[in-house]
Structure formats: structure tokens, C-alpha cells
Amino acid sequence: EYVYVGGLGVGAYSVPGTSNNSNNP
């Protein structure tokens, strides 16, 4: 999910209030 790497944003935003703790939530 969206993180900072070397000063750049990398990845997709997680939707607040939804489960993202597995490969198929």
C-alpha cells in the first residue's frame, strides 16, 4: 500500500474502513 520510498510515494492507497489484511479481503 501507499508508502514513502526515497522521498517518493509508492503504491496504492488503501480505502479507509475496509479490510486489507489478506490477499483477497
PDB file of all heavy atoms in Angstrom:
ATOM      1  N   GLU A   1       0.845  -1.171   0.000  1.00  0.00           N
ATOM      2  CA  GLU A   1       0.000   0.000   0.000  1.00  0.00           C
ATOM      3  C   GLU A   1       0.892   1.237   0.000  1.00  0.00           C
ATOM      4  O   GLU A   1       2.110   1.158   0.086  1.00  0.00           O
ATOM      5  CB  GLU A   1      -0.948  -0.002   1.193  1.00  0.00           C
ATOM      6  CG  GLU A   1      -0.280   0.107   2.547  1.00  0.00           C
ATOM      7  CD  GLU A   1      -1.305   0.125   3.668  1.00  0.00           C
ATOM      8  OE1 GLU A   1      -2.113   1.056   3.711  1.00  0.00           O
ATOM      9  OE2 GLU A   1      -1.292  -0.809   4.491  1.00  0.00           O
ATOM     10  N   TYR A   2       0.288   2.395  -0.081  1.00  0.00           N
ATOM     11  CA  TYR A   2       0.998   3.642  -0.277  1.00  0.00           C
ATOM     12  C   TYR A   2       1.998   3.904   0.842  1.00  0.00           C
ATOM     13  O   TYR A   2       1.646   3.972   2.014  1.00  0.00           O
ATOM     14  CB  TYR A   2      -0.010   4.786  -0.332  1.00  0.00           C
ATOM     15  CG  TYR A   2       0.566   6.084  -0.836  1.00  0.00           C
ATOM     16  CD1 TYR A   2       0.809   6.260  -2.187  1.00  0.00           C
ATOM     17  CD2 TYR A   2       0.860   7.120   0.043  1.00  0.00           C
ATOM     18  CE1 TYR A   2       1.318   7.446  -2.661  1.00  0.00           C
ATOM     19  CE2 TYR A   2       1.371   8.309  -0.425  1.00  0.00           C
ATOM     20  CZ  TYR A   2       1.605   8.467  -1.773  1.00  0.00           C
ATOM     21  OH  TYR A   2       2.113   9.656  -2.244  1.00  0.00           O
ATOM     22  N   VAL A   3       3.282   4.041   0.462  1.00  0.00           N
ATOM     23  CA  VAL A   3       4.353   4.309   1.419  1.00  0.00           C
ATOM     24  C   VAL A   3       5.332   5.293   0.779  1.00  0.00           C
ATOM     25  O   VAL A   3       5.317   5.522  -0.432  1.00  0.00           O
ATOM     26  CB  VAL A   3       5.110   3.027   1.829  1.00  0.00           C
ATOM     27  CG1 VAL A   3       4.211   2.077   2.602  1.00  0.00           C
ATOM     28  CG2 VAL A   3       5.686   2.320   0.589  1.00  0.00           C
ATOM     29  N   TYR A   4       6.197   5.870   1.578  1.00  0.00           N
ATOM     30  CA  TYR A   4       7.259   6.732   1.072  1.00  0.00           C
ATOM     31  C   TYR A   4       8.535   5.909   0.917  1.00  0.00           C
ATOM     32  O   TYR A   4       8.972   5.234   1.837  1.00  0.00           O
ATOM     33  CB  TYR A   4       7.518   7.895   2.021  1.00  0.00           C
ATOM     34  CG  TYR A   4       6.449   8.942   1.989  1.00  0.00           C
ATOM     35  CD1 TYR A   4       5.566   9.089   3.058  1.00  0.00           C
ATOM     36  CD2 TYR A   4       6.303   9.787   0.893  1.00  0.00           C
ATOM     37  CE1 TYR A   4       4.568  10.044   3.044  1.00  0.00           C
ATOM     38  CE2 TYR A   4       5.314  10.757   0.863  1.00  0.00           C
ATOM     39  CZ  TYR A   4       4.456  10.885   1.940  1.00  0.00           C
ATOM     40  OH  TYR A   4       3.475  11.832   1.909  1.00  0.00           O
ATOM     41  N   VAL A   5       9.132   5.993  -0.270  1.00  0.00           N
ATOM     42  CA  VAL A   5      10.389   5.305  -0.537  1.00  0.00           C
ATOM     43  C   VAL A   5      11.315   6.301  -1.222  1.00  0.00           C
ATOM     44  O   VAL A   5      11.022   6.765  -2.324  1.00  0.00           O
ATOM     45  CB  VAL A   5      10.189   4.066  -1.441  1.00  0.00           C
ATOM     46  CG1 VAL A   5      11.536   3.421  -1.752  1.00  0.00           C
ATOM     47  CG2 VAL A   5       9.258   3.065  -0.783  1.00  0.00           C
ATOM     48  N   GLY A   6      12.404   6.650  -0.572  1.00  0.00           N
ATOM     49  CA  GLY A   6      13.351   7.583  -1.160  1.00  0.00           C
ATOM     50  C   GLY A   6      12.749   8.934  -1.479  1.00  0.00           C
ATOM     51  O   GLY A   6      13.130   9.582  -2.459  1.00  0.00           O
ATOM     52  N   GLY A   7      11.790   9.364  -0.660  1.00  0.00           N
ATOM     53  CA  GLY A   7      11.172  10.669  -0.873  1.00  0.00           C
ATOM     54  C   GLY A   7      10.028  10.669  -1.853  1.00  0.00           C
ATOM     55  O   GLY A   7       9.404  11.695  -2.097  1.00  0.00           O
ATOM     56  N   LEU A   8       9.733   9.507  -2.463  1.00  0.00           N
ATOM     57  CA  LEU A   8       8.625   9.395  -3.412  1.00  0.00           C
ATOM     58  C   LEU A   8       7.532   8.504  -2.844  1.00  0.00           C
ATOM     59  O   LEU A   8       7.813   7.558  -2.119  1.00  0.00           O
ATOM     60  CB  LEU A   8       9.098   8.824  -4.749  1.00  0.00           C
ATOM     61  CG  LEU A   8       9.995   9.711  -5.614  1.00  0.00           C
ATOM     62  CD1 LEU A   8      10.460   8.940  -6.844  1.00  0.00           C
ATOM     63  CD2 LEU A   8       9.270  10.980  -6.035  1.00  0.00           C
ATOM     64  N   GLY A   9       6.309   8.804  -3.206  1.00  0.00           N
ATOM     65  CA  GLY A   9       5.201   7.954  -2.809  1.00  0.00           C
ATOM     66  C   GLY A   9       5.120   6.743  -3.712  1.00  0.00           C
ATOM     67  O   GLY A   9       5.227   6.860  -4.927  1.00  0.00           O
ATOM     68  N   VAL A  10       4.966   5.578  -3.125  1.00  0.00           N
ATOM     69  CA  VAL A  10       4.906   4.336  -3.895  1.00  0.00           C
ATOM     70  C   VAL A  10       3.705   3.525  -3.443  1.00  0.00           C
ATOM     71  O   VAL A  10       3.465   3.360  -2.248  1.00  0.00           O
ATOM     72  CB  VAL A  10       6.186   3.494  -3.698  1.00  0.00           C
ATOM     73  CG1 VAL A  10       6.071   2.163  -4.429  1.00  0.00           C
ATOM     74  CG2 VAL A  10       7.408   4.264  -4.187  1.00  0.00           C
ATOM     75  N   GLY A  11       2.947   3.005  -4.400  1.00  0.00           N
ATOM     76  CA  GLY A  11       1.861   2.094  -4.078  1.00  0.00           C
ATOM     77  C   GLY A  11       0.494   2.736  -4.135  1.00  0.00           C
ATOM     78  O   GLY A  11       0.340   3.919  -4.410  1.00  0.00           O
ATOM     79  N   ALA A  12      -0.522   1.940  -3.889  1.00  0.00           N
ATOM     80  CA  ALA A  12      -1.911   2.390  -3.952  1.00  0.00           C
ATOM     81  C   ALA A  12      -2.417   2.725  -2.557  1.00  0.00           C
ATOM     82  O   ALA A  12      -1.994   2.134  -1.573  1.00  0.00           O
ATOM     83  CB  ALA A  12      -2.794   1.308  -4.566  1.00  0.00           C
ATOM     84  N   TYR A  13      -3.325   3.676  -2.475  1.00  0.00           N
ATOM     85  CA  TYR A  13      -3.956   3.997  -1.209  1.00  0.00           C
ATOM     86  C   TYR A  13      -4.915   2.887  -0.808  1.00  0.00           C
ATOM     87  O   TYR A  13      -5.661   2.366  -1.635  1.00  0.00           O
ATOM     88  CB  TYR A  13      -4.743   5.306  -1.306  1.00  0.00           C
ATOM     89  CG  TYR A  13      -3.903   6.543  -1.369  1.00  0.00           C
ATOM     90  CD1 TYR A  13      -3.731   7.212  -2.570  1.00  0.00           C
ATOM     91  CD2 TYR A  13      -3.281   7.051  -0.234  1.00  0.00           C
ATOM     92  CE1 TYR A  13      -2.962   8.358  -2.646  1.00  0.00           C
ATOM     93  CE2 TYR A  13      -2.516   8.188  -0.301  1.00  0.00           C
ATOM     94  CZ  TYR A  13      -2.353   8.854  -1.506  1.00  0.00           C
ATOM     95  OH  TYR A  13      -1.594   9.975  -1.569  1.00  0.00           O
ATOM     96  N   SER A  14      -4.917   2.545   0.461  1.00  0.00           N
ATOM     97  CA  SER A  14      -5.951   1.668   0.989  1.00  0.00           C
ATOM     98  C   SER A  14      -7.198   2.497   1.265  1.00  0.00           C
ATOM     99  O   SER A  14      -7.103   3.654   1.670  1.00  0.00           O
ATOM    100  CB  SER A  14      -5.483   1.004   2.293  1.00  0.00           C
ATOM    101  OG  SER A  14      -4.419   0.120   2.051  1.00  0.00           O
ATOM    102  N   VAL A  15      -8.350   1.913   1.034  1.00  0.00           N
ATOM    103  CA  VAL A  15      -9.600   2.616   1.302  1.00  0.00           C
ATOM    104  C   VAL A  15      -9.889   2.553   2.794  1.00  0.00           C
ATOM    105  O   VAL A  15      -9.969   1.462   3.364  1.00  0.00           O
ATOM    106  CB  VAL A  15     -10.770   2.001   0.511  1.00  0.00           C
ATOM    107  CG1 VAL A  15     -12.082   2.688   0.873  1.00  0.00           C
ATOM    108  CG2 VAL A  15     -10.496   2.094  -0.985  1.00  0.00           C
ATOM    109  N   PRO A  16     -10.036   3.692   3.459  1.00  0.00           N
ATOM    110  CA  PRO A  16     -10.290   3.679   4.910  1.00  0.00           C
ATOM    111  C   PRO A  16     -11.547   2.884   5.252  1.00  0.00           C
ATOM    112  O   PRO A  16     -12.538   2.915   4.524  1.00  0.00           O
ATOM    113  CB  PRO A  16     -10.474   5.166   5.249  1.00  0.00           C
ATOM    114  CG  PRO A  16      -9.766   5.895   4.157  1.00  0.00           C
ATOM    115  CD  PRO A  16      -9.952   5.060   2.929  1.00  0.00           C
ATOM    116  N   GLY A  17     -11.467   2.160   6.351  1.00  0.00           N
ATOM    117  CA  GLY A  17     -12.640   1.432   6.805  1.00  0.00           C
ATOM    118  C   GLY A  17     -12.872   0.109   6.123  1.00  0.00           C
ATOM    119  O   GLY A  17     -13.905  -0.528   6.321  1.00  0.00           O
ATOM    120  N   THR A  18     -11.909  -0.328   5.285  1.00  0.00           N
ATOM    121  CA  THR A  18     -12.045  -1.626   4.630  1.00  0.00           C
ATOM    122  C   THR A  18     -10.878  -2.515   5.044  1.00  0.00           C
ATOM    123  O   THR A  18      -9.819  -2.043   5.443  1.00  0.00           O
ATOM    124  CB  THR A  18     -12.059  -1.496   3.100  1.00  0.00           C
ATOM    125  OG1 THR A  18     -10.796  -0.966   2.649  1.00  0.00           O
ATOM    126  CG2 THR A  18     -13.168  -0.575   2.649  1.00  0.00           C
ATOM    127  N   SER A  19     -11.078  -3.819   4.922  1.00  0.00           N
ATOM    128  CA  SER A  19     -10.051  -4.779   5.328  1.00  0.00           C
ATOM    129  C   SER A  19      -9.003  -4.931   4.235  1.00  0.00           C
ATOM    130  O   SER A  19      -9.330  -5.113   3.063  1.00  0.00           O
ATOM    131  CB  SER A  19     -10.695  -6.139   5.614  1.00  0.00           C
ATOM    132  OG  SER A  19      -9.702  -7.113   5.854  1.00  0.00           O
ATOM    133  N   ASN A  20      -7.743  -4.837   4.619  1.00  0.00           N
ATOM    134  CA  ASN A  20      -6.646  -5.060   3.679  1.00  0.00           C
ATOM    135  C   ASN A  20      -5.591  -5.963   4.290  1.00  0.00           C
ATOM    136  O   ASN A  20      -4.407  -5.786   4.045  1.00  0.00           O
ATOM    137  CB  ASN A  20      -6.019  -3.722   3.272  1.00  0.00           C
ATOM    138  CG  ASN A  20      -6.896  -2.950   2.311  1.00  0.00           C
ATOM    139  OD1 ASN A  20      -7.187  -3.408   1.217  1.00  0.00           O
ATOM    140  ND2 ASN A  20      -7.333  -1.779   2.725  1.00  0.00           N
ATOM    141  N   ASN A  21      -6.038  -6.909   5.094  1.00  0.00           N
ATOM    142  CA  ASN A  21      -5.079  -7.750   5.818  1.00  0.00           C
ATOM    143  C   ASN A  21      -4.893  -9.115   5.174  1.00  0.00           C
ATOM    144  O   ASN A  21      -4.380 -10.038   5.792  1.00  0.00           O
ATOM    145  CB  ASN A  21      -5.513  -7.908   7.278  1.00  0.00           C
ATOM    146  CG  ASN A  21      -6.920  -8.471   7.414  1.00  0.00           C
ATOM    147  OD1 ASN A  21      -7.541  -8.832   6.416  1.00  0.00           O
ATOM    148  ND2 ASN A  21      -7.424  -8.535   8.632  1.00  0.00           N
ATOM    149  N   SER A  22      -5.324  -9.264   3.932  1.00  0.00           N
ATOM    150  CA  SER A  22      -5.113 -10.520   3.227  1.00  0.00           C
ATOM    151  C   SER A  22      -5.047 -10.231   1.739  1.00  0.00           C
ATOM    152  O   SER A  22      -5.335  -9.128   1.287  1.00  0.00           O
ATOM    153  CB  SER A  22      -6.250 -11.511   3.519  1.00  0.00           C
ATOM    154  OG  SER A  22      -7.462 -11.063   2.933  1.00  0.00           O
ATOM    155  N   ASN A  23      -4.661 -11.252   0.970  1.00  0.00           N
ATOM    156  CA  ASN A  23      -4.564 -11.069  -0.474  1.00  0.00           C
ATOM    157  C   ASN A  23      -5.920 -10.897  -1.134  1.00  0.00           C
ATOM    158  O   ASN A  23      -6.026 -10.334  -2.219  1.00  0.00           O
ATOM    159  CB  ASN A  23      -3.852 -12.261  -1.110  1.00  0.00           C
ATOM    160  CG  ASN A  23      -2.391 -12.300  -0.742  1.00  0.00           C
ATOM    161  OD1 ASN A  23      -1.847 -11.354  -0.164  1.00  0.00           O
ATOM    162  ND2 ASN A  23      -1.733 -13.401  -1.066  1.00  0.00           N
ATOM    163  N   ASN A  24      -6.967 -11.407  -0.493  1.00  0.00           N
ATOM    164  CA  ASN A  24      -8.311 -11.287  -1.051  1.00  0.00           C
ATOM    165  C   ASN A  24      -9.263 -10.898   0.072  1.00  0.00           C
ATOM    166  O   ASN A  24      -9.989 -11.738   0.609  1.00  0.00           O
ATOM    167  CB  ASN A  24      -8.737 -12.608  -1.696  1.00  0.00           C
ATOM    168  CG  ASN A  24     -10.024 -12.469  -2.479  1.00  0.00           C
ATOM    169  OD1 ASN A  24     -10.502 -11.363  -2.737  1.00  0.00           O
ATOM    170  ND2 ASN A  24     -10.601 -13.594  -2.873  1.00  0.00           N
ATOM    171  N   PRO A  25      -9.283  -9.607   0.434  1.00  0.00           N
ATOM    172  CA  PRO A  25     -10.015  -9.176   1.623  1.00  0.00           C
ATOM    173  C   PRO A  25     -11.528  -9.123   1.466  1.00  0.00           C
ATOM    174  O   PRO A  25     -12.241  -8.985   2.454  1.00  0.00           O
ATOM    175  CB  PRO A  25      -9.455  -7.774   1.872  1.00  0.00           C
ATOM    176  CG  PRO A  25      -9.033  -7.298   0.521  1.00  0.00           C
ATOM    177  CD  PRO A  25      -8.536  -8.511  -0.197  1.00  0.00           C
TER     178      PRO A  25
END
